[in-house]
N, C-alpha and C. Protein backbone atom coordinates (compact mmCIF):
# COMPACT_ATOMS: atom_id res chain seq x y z
N MET A 1 25.42 -53.11 52.99
CA MET A 1 25.83 -54.28 53.72
C MET A 1 26.10 -53.93 55.19
N ILE A 2 26.79 -52.84 55.43
CA ILE A 2 27.06 -52.42 56.80
C ILE A 2 25.75 -52.08 57.49
N PHE A 3 24.84 -51.43 56.76
CA PHE A 3 23.54 -51.08 57.32
C PHE A 3 22.79 -52.32 57.79
N ALA A 4 22.82 -53.40 57.02
CA ALA A 4 22.16 -54.65 57.40
C ALA A 4 22.76 -55.22 58.67
N ALA A 5 24.08 -55.13 58.80
CA ALA A 5 24.74 -55.62 60.02
C ALA A 5 24.32 -54.80 61.23
N LEU A 6 24.16 -53.49 61.04
CA LEU A 6 23.73 -52.65 62.15
C LEU A 6 22.30 -52.95 62.56
N ILE A 7 21.44 -53.22 61.61
CA ILE A 7 20.05 -53.56 61.93
C ILE A 7 20.01 -54.87 62.70
N THR A 8 20.77 -55.85 62.27
CA THR A 8 20.80 -57.15 62.94
C THR A 8 21.30 -57.01 64.37
N ALA A 9 22.26 -56.11 64.58
CA ALA A 9 22.86 -55.95 65.90
C ALA A 9 22.01 -55.08 66.82
N SER A 10 21.02 -54.37 66.31
CA SER A 10 20.19 -53.50 67.13
C SER A 10 19.35 -54.32 68.09
N PRO A 11 19.30 -53.91 69.36
CA PRO A 11 18.49 -54.67 70.32
C PRO A 11 17.00 -54.48 70.07
N LEU A 12 16.27 -55.57 70.17
CA LEU A 12 14.82 -55.58 70.05
C LEU A 12 14.27 -56.31 71.26
N LEU A 13 12.97 -56.32 71.44
CA LEU A 13 12.37 -57.03 72.57
C LEU A 13 11.94 -58.42 72.11
N TYR A 14 12.32 -59.41 72.91
CA TYR A 14 11.98 -60.80 72.66
C TYR A 14 11.29 -61.37 73.89
N VAL A 15 10.45 -62.37 73.68
CA VAL A 15 9.75 -63.05 74.76
C VAL A 15 10.22 -64.51 74.78
N ALA A 16 10.55 -65.01 75.97
CA ALA A 16 10.95 -66.41 76.11
C ALA A 16 9.71 -67.29 75.95
N THR A 17 9.76 -68.21 74.99
CA THR A 17 8.61 -69.08 74.74
C THR A 17 8.63 -70.32 75.62
N VAL A 18 9.77 -70.60 76.22
CA VAL A 18 9.95 -71.71 77.17
C VAL A 18 10.90 -71.21 78.26
N THR A 19 10.95 -71.93 79.37
CA THR A 19 11.97 -71.62 80.36
C THR A 19 13.31 -71.98 79.74
N THR A 20 14.24 -71.05 79.75
CA THR A 20 15.51 -71.24 79.05
C THR A 20 16.65 -70.71 79.91
N PHE A 21 17.76 -70.46 79.29
CA PHE A 21 18.95 -70.03 80.01
C PHE A 21 19.80 -69.14 79.12
N GLY A 22 20.67 -68.38 79.75
CA GLY A 22 21.66 -67.59 79.04
C GLY A 22 22.98 -67.72 79.78
N CYS A 23 24.08 -67.73 79.05
CA CYS A 23 25.40 -67.89 79.66
C CYS A 23 26.37 -66.88 79.07
N THR A 24 27.44 -66.64 79.79
CA THR A 24 28.47 -65.73 79.31
C THR A 24 29.43 -66.42 78.36
N SER A 25 29.39 -67.74 78.30
CA SER A 25 30.31 -68.51 77.46
C SER A 25 29.54 -69.37 76.47
N ILE A 26 29.91 -69.29 75.21
CA ILE A 26 29.29 -70.12 74.19
C ILE A 26 29.58 -71.60 74.46
N ASP A 27 30.73 -71.88 75.05
CA ASP A 27 31.07 -73.26 75.40
C ASP A 27 30.09 -73.83 76.42
N GLU A 28 29.71 -73.01 77.37
CA GLU A 28 28.75 -73.47 78.39
C GLU A 28 27.37 -73.69 77.77
N ILE A 29 26.99 -72.83 76.85
CA ILE A 29 25.70 -73.01 76.17
C ILE A 29 25.72 -74.31 75.38
N THR A 30 26.80 -74.56 74.66
CA THR A 30 26.91 -75.79 73.87
C THR A 30 26.80 -77.01 74.78
N LYS A 31 27.48 -76.97 75.93
CA LYS A 31 27.42 -78.09 76.87
C LYS A 31 26.00 -78.29 77.40
N LEU A 32 25.36 -77.20 77.79
CA LEU A 32 23.99 -77.30 78.31
C LEU A 32 23.02 -77.79 77.24
N GLN A 33 23.16 -77.31 76.02
CA GLN A 33 22.27 -77.76 74.95
C GLN A 33 22.45 -79.25 74.67
N SER A 34 23.66 -79.74 74.81
CA SER A 34 23.91 -81.16 74.53
C SER A 34 23.26 -82.09 75.56
N ILE A 35 23.00 -81.57 76.76
CA ILE A 35 22.38 -82.41 77.80
C ILE A 35 20.97 -81.94 78.16
N ARG A 36 20.42 -81.05 77.39
CA ARG A 36 19.12 -80.45 77.71
C ARG A 36 18.00 -81.47 77.85
N LEU A 37 18.02 -82.53 77.07
CA LEU A 37 16.97 -83.54 77.15
C LEU A 37 17.11 -84.44 78.38
N GLU A 38 18.29 -84.45 78.98
CA GLU A 38 18.51 -85.21 80.23
C GLU A 38 18.22 -84.25 81.38
N ARG A 39 16.96 -84.15 81.71
CA ARG A 39 16.46 -83.12 82.62
C ARG A 39 17.27 -82.95 83.91
N LYS A 40 17.57 -84.03 84.61
CA LYS A 40 18.27 -83.92 85.89
C LYS A 40 19.70 -83.43 85.69
N ALA A 41 20.40 -83.99 84.73
CA ALA A 41 21.78 -83.57 84.45
C ALA A 41 21.81 -82.11 84.00
N PHE A 42 20.84 -81.74 83.18
CA PHE A 42 20.76 -80.37 82.69
C PHE A 42 20.56 -79.40 83.85
N GLN A 43 19.59 -79.67 84.70
CA GLN A 43 19.32 -78.77 85.82
C GLN A 43 20.50 -78.68 86.77
N THR A 44 21.15 -79.82 87.04
CA THR A 44 22.33 -79.81 87.92
C THR A 44 23.42 -78.91 87.35
N GLU A 45 23.72 -79.11 86.07
CA GLU A 45 24.76 -78.31 85.41
C GLU A 45 24.36 -76.84 85.36
N LEU A 46 23.12 -76.55 85.00
CA LEU A 46 22.67 -75.17 84.92
C LEU A 46 22.78 -74.49 86.28
N TYR A 47 22.32 -75.14 87.33
CA TYR A 47 22.37 -74.51 88.65
C TYR A 47 23.80 -74.32 89.14
N GLU A 48 24.70 -75.22 88.79
CA GLU A 48 26.12 -75.03 89.12
C GLU A 48 26.65 -73.78 88.43
N GLN A 49 26.28 -73.62 87.16
CA GLN A 49 26.75 -72.46 86.41
C GLN A 49 26.10 -71.16 86.89
N ILE A 50 24.86 -71.24 87.33
CA ILE A 50 24.20 -70.06 87.91
C ILE A 50 24.92 -69.68 89.20
N PHE A 51 25.22 -70.66 90.03
CA PHE A 51 25.92 -70.42 91.29
C PHE A 51 27.29 -69.79 91.04
N ASP A 52 27.97 -70.23 89.98
CA ASP A 52 29.29 -69.69 89.64
C ASP A 52 29.20 -68.33 88.93
N GLY A 53 27.99 -67.86 88.63
CA GLY A 53 27.82 -66.58 87.96
C GLY A 53 28.02 -66.62 86.46
N GLN A 54 28.05 -67.83 85.88
CA GLN A 54 28.27 -67.98 84.44
C GLN A 54 26.98 -67.98 83.62
N CYS A 55 25.87 -68.35 84.25
CA CYS A 55 24.61 -68.48 83.53
C CYS A 55 23.47 -67.91 84.35
N VAL A 56 22.35 -67.66 83.67
CA VAL A 56 21.11 -67.24 84.32
C VAL A 56 19.98 -68.08 83.77
N GLU A 57 18.95 -68.26 84.57
CA GLU A 57 17.75 -68.94 84.09
C GLU A 57 16.77 -67.85 83.64
N ILE A 58 16.10 -68.08 82.54
CA ILE A 58 15.14 -67.12 81.99
C ILE A 58 13.78 -67.82 81.93
N ALA A 59 12.85 -67.34 82.72
CA ALA A 59 11.54 -67.98 82.82
C ALA A 59 10.72 -67.76 81.56
N ARG A 60 9.86 -68.71 81.27
CA ARG A 60 8.93 -68.59 80.14
C ARG A 60 8.12 -67.31 80.31
N GLY A 61 7.96 -66.56 79.24
CA GLY A 61 7.20 -65.32 79.27
C GLY A 61 8.02 -64.09 79.62
N THR A 62 9.29 -64.28 79.99
CA THR A 62 10.15 -63.14 80.33
C THR A 62 10.46 -62.32 79.09
N LEU A 63 10.36 -61.03 79.23
CA LEU A 63 10.67 -60.09 78.16
C LEU A 63 12.14 -59.68 78.31
N VAL A 64 12.91 -59.84 77.25
CA VAL A 64 14.33 -59.47 77.28
C VAL A 64 14.65 -58.56 76.10
N GLU A 65 15.67 -57.75 76.30
CA GLU A 65 16.19 -56.96 75.20
C GLU A 65 17.29 -57.80 74.57
N GLY A 66 17.23 -58.00 73.27
CA GLY A 66 18.22 -58.87 72.63
C GLY A 66 18.54 -58.49 71.21
N SER A 67 19.66 -59.02 70.76
CA SER A 67 20.05 -58.87 69.37
C SER A 67 20.65 -60.20 68.93
N ILE A 68 20.39 -60.55 67.69
CA ILE A 68 20.92 -61.80 67.16
C ILE A 68 22.43 -61.68 67.06
N GLU A 69 23.11 -62.67 67.57
CA GLU A 69 24.57 -62.68 67.58
C GLU A 69 25.07 -62.74 66.14
N ILE A 70 25.90 -61.79 65.76
CA ILE A 70 26.40 -61.71 64.40
C ILE A 70 27.28 -62.91 64.05
N ARG A 71 28.09 -63.38 64.99
CA ARG A 71 28.99 -64.50 64.73
C ARG A 71 28.28 -65.85 64.72
N ASN A 72 27.10 -65.93 65.37
CA ASN A 72 26.37 -67.19 65.44
C ASN A 72 24.88 -66.86 65.46
N SER A 73 24.24 -66.95 64.32
CA SER A 73 22.85 -66.50 64.20
C SER A 73 21.85 -67.40 64.94
N SER A 74 22.30 -68.47 65.56
CA SER A 74 21.40 -69.30 66.36
C SER A 74 21.37 -68.84 67.82
N MET A 75 22.13 -67.79 68.12
CA MET A 75 22.21 -67.27 69.48
C MET A 75 21.65 -65.86 69.56
N LEU A 76 21.07 -65.55 70.70
CA LEU A 76 20.54 -64.22 70.98
C LEU A 76 21.37 -63.64 72.12
N LEU A 77 21.90 -62.45 71.95
CA LEU A 77 22.62 -61.76 73.01
C LEU A 77 21.59 -60.97 73.79
N VAL A 78 21.33 -61.36 75.05
CA VAL A 78 20.27 -60.74 75.83
C VAL A 78 20.82 -59.85 76.94
N ASP A 79 20.07 -58.81 77.21
CA ASP A 79 20.29 -57.89 78.33
C ASP A 79 21.70 -57.32 78.42
N ARG A 80 22.30 -57.07 77.26
CA ARG A 80 23.65 -56.48 77.24
C ARG A 80 23.66 -55.10 77.87
N GLN A 81 22.61 -54.33 77.67
CA GLN A 81 22.54 -52.97 78.24
C GLN A 81 22.30 -53.01 79.75
N ILE A 82 21.58 -54.02 80.22
CA ILE A 82 21.22 -54.11 81.64
C ILE A 82 22.34 -54.75 82.46
N GLU A 83 22.91 -55.84 81.96
CA GLU A 83 23.95 -56.58 82.66
C GLU A 83 25.12 -56.85 81.72
N PRO A 84 25.94 -55.81 81.44
CA PRO A 84 27.07 -56.01 80.51
C PRO A 84 27.97 -57.13 80.97
N PRO A 85 28.46 -57.97 80.11
CA PRO A 85 28.36 -57.93 78.66
C PRO A 85 27.12 -58.65 78.12
N GLY A 86 26.20 -59.03 78.98
CA GLY A 86 24.99 -59.73 78.55
C GLY A 86 25.20 -61.23 78.56
N PHE A 87 24.20 -61.95 78.11
CA PHE A 87 24.24 -63.41 78.09
C PHE A 87 23.84 -63.92 76.71
N GLU A 88 24.52 -64.95 76.26
CA GLU A 88 24.14 -65.64 75.03
C GLU A 88 23.03 -66.63 75.40
N ALA A 89 22.02 -66.70 74.58
CA ALA A 89 20.91 -67.63 74.82
C ALA A 89 20.47 -68.23 73.49
N PRO A 90 19.91 -69.44 73.52
CA PRO A 90 19.43 -70.06 72.28
C PRO A 90 18.28 -69.26 71.67
N LEU A 91 18.47 -68.77 70.46
CA LEU A 91 17.46 -67.95 69.78
C LEU A 91 16.14 -68.70 69.63
N ARG A 92 16.19 -70.00 69.41
CA ARG A 92 14.96 -70.77 69.17
C ARG A 92 14.01 -70.76 70.37
N ASP A 93 14.50 -70.35 71.55
CA ASP A 93 13.67 -70.30 72.75
C ASP A 93 12.93 -68.97 72.90
N PHE A 94 13.05 -68.09 71.91
CA PHE A 94 12.46 -66.76 71.98
C PHE A 94 11.66 -66.45 70.72
N LYS A 95 10.72 -65.54 70.86
CA LYS A 95 10.05 -64.98 69.69
C LYS A 95 10.11 -63.47 69.84
N LEU A 96 10.14 -62.81 68.71
CA LEU A 96 10.17 -61.35 68.67
C LEU A 96 8.86 -60.83 69.22
N LYS A 97 8.94 -59.87 70.14
CA LYS A 97 7.72 -59.29 70.69
C LYS A 97 7.11 -58.38 69.64
N PRO A 98 5.86 -58.59 69.35
CA PRO A 98 5.21 -57.72 68.37
C PRO A 98 5.23 -56.28 68.85
N THR A 99 5.44 -55.37 67.92
CA THR A 99 5.41 -53.96 68.26
C THR A 99 3.96 -53.50 68.25
N GLY A 100 3.71 -52.28 68.66
CA GLY A 100 2.34 -51.75 68.69
C GLY A 100 1.63 -51.98 67.38
N GLY A 101 0.54 -51.42 67.19
CA GLY A 101 -0.22 -51.60 65.96
C GLY A 101 -1.57 -52.19 66.26
N LYS A 102 -2.27 -52.55 65.24
CA LYS A 102 -3.62 -53.10 65.41
C LYS A 102 -3.57 -54.50 65.96
N LYS A 103 -4.53 -54.81 66.80
CA LYS A 103 -4.61 -56.14 67.39
C LYS A 103 -5.70 -56.93 66.72
């Protein structure tokens, strides 16, 4: 059981499938997700949070190091090694980058 938790927490490479965001606060992510379909309100709020240093924008196609958040499996903790403590981001906006192997 502990081994499974360690595997889940291990950082892997993910690719953003859409332009998305990451924030230091789960509350801010929840707020942004609730207004995401209201494009203008969403962008205004996101840019305010970026300016305040609470969030970052992640462009489509960006490769990030991430691990699925143990407390909330719908969130991905990204770039914790690069920018501690990292940013929480919606997991559904990412796909696991395929590892080497046959194409």
